[in-house]
Amino acid sequence: MPAGAGLRKGTRHTFARGFRTKGYIPLTVYLRNFKLGDYVDIKVNAAIHKVQLHMGDAGHGRTAWHSGVGRP
């Protein structure tokens, strides 16, 4: 079989969750507040499929500042 060419190709270890962190996602993940201008580390959770980034995009493993994108 040929290798896949999907969006998550080559991410076997990159998106893998650590020992004893698999399964349940704590509610604090969704309720965390960031102020404008805060520096945040972006880490993709493989269990949340709706907002996953592509590997080539600016995302997983990077540090960025919160610019208020998506706020009214």
Protein backbone atom coordinates (compact mmCIF):
# COMPACT_ATOMS: atom_id res chain seq x y z
CA MET A 1 0.00 0.00 0.00
CA PRO A 2 1.28 3.48 -0.77
CA ALA A 3 1.84 6.00 1.99
CA GLY A 4 -1.05 8.32 2.79
CA ALA A 5 -1.02 11.97 1.81
CA GLY A 6 -3.58 13.30 4.26
CA LEU A 7 -3.48 16.41 6.42
CA ARG A 8 -2.09 14.53 9.43
CA LYS A 9 0.55 12.47 7.65
CA GLY A 10 3.74 11.94 9.62
CA THR A 11 2.23 13.01 12.95
CA ARG A 12 2.33 9.70 14.79
CA HIS A 13 4.55 11.02 17.58
CA THR A 14 3.86 14.74 17.19
CA PHE A 15 0.18 14.61 18.14
CA ALA A 16 0.53 11.64 20.52
CA ARG A 17 -0.55 12.33 24.08
CA GLY A 18 1.73 11.50 26.97
CA PHE A 19 1.60 8.67 29.47
CA ARG A 20 -1.58 8.80 31.63
CA THR A 21 -2.94 11.83 29.76
CA LYS A 22 -5.10 9.99 27.25
CA GLY A 23 -8.87 9.97 27.35
CA TYR A 24 -10.81 12.52 29.39
CA ILE A 25 -10.26 16.21 28.57
CA PRO A 26 -10.56 18.43 31.68
CA LEU A 27 -13.09 21.25 31.57
CA THR A 28 -10.37 23.79 32.39
CA VAL A 29 -9.02 23.35 28.86
CA TYR A 30 -12.14 25.05 27.52
CA LEU A 31 -12.57 27.62 30.31
CA ARG A 32 -9.04 29.07 30.30
CA ASN A 33 -9.00 32.85 29.78
CA PHE A 34 -6.22 34.76 28.05
CA LYS A 35 -5.80 38.52 28.04
CA LEU A 36 -4.91 40.47 24.92
CA GLY A 37 -1.15 40.51 24.45
CA ASP A 38 -0.48 37.35 26.48
CA TYR A 39 2.10 34.94 25.11
CA VAL A 40 0.68 31.44 24.67
CA ASP A 41 2.17 28.09 23.67
CA ILE A 42 0.09 26.41 20.98
CA LYS A 43 -0.26 22.68 21.45
CA VAL A 44 -2.79 20.64 19.47
CA ASN A 45 -4.84 18.09 21.39
CA ALA A 46 -5.40 15.13 19.08
CA ALA A 47 -8.66 14.24 20.84
CA ILE A 48 -10.31 17.51 19.73
CA HIS A 49 -10.92 17.13 16.01
CA LYS A 50 -12.86 20.30 15.28
CA VAL A 51 -10.04 22.82 15.59
CA GLN A 52 -7.01 20.85 14.48
CA LEU A 53 -4.36 22.66 12.53
CA HIS A 54 -2.47 21.39 9.53
CA MET A 55 1.17 20.54 10.21
CA GLY A 56 2.42 23.18 7.78
CA ASP A 57 0.36 25.98 9.34
CA ALA A 58 1.60 28.16 12.16
CA GLY A 59 0.51 26.07 15.06
CA HIS A 60 1.64 23.10 17.09
CA GLY A 61 4.72 23.71 19.21
CA ARG A 62 4.96 27.42 18.57
CA THR A 63 4.66 30.43 20.84
CA ALA A 64 2.42 33.31 19.81
CA TRP A 65 0.80 36.33 21.38
CA HIS A 66 -2.95 36.62 21.77
CA SER A 67 -4.17 39.24 19.33
CA GLY A 68 -7.91 38.92 19.87
CA VAL A 69 -8.62 37.12 16.61
CA GLY A 70 -12.20 35.92 16.49
CA ARG A 71 -13.45 38.44 19.05
CA PRO A 72 -16.05 41.09 18.22
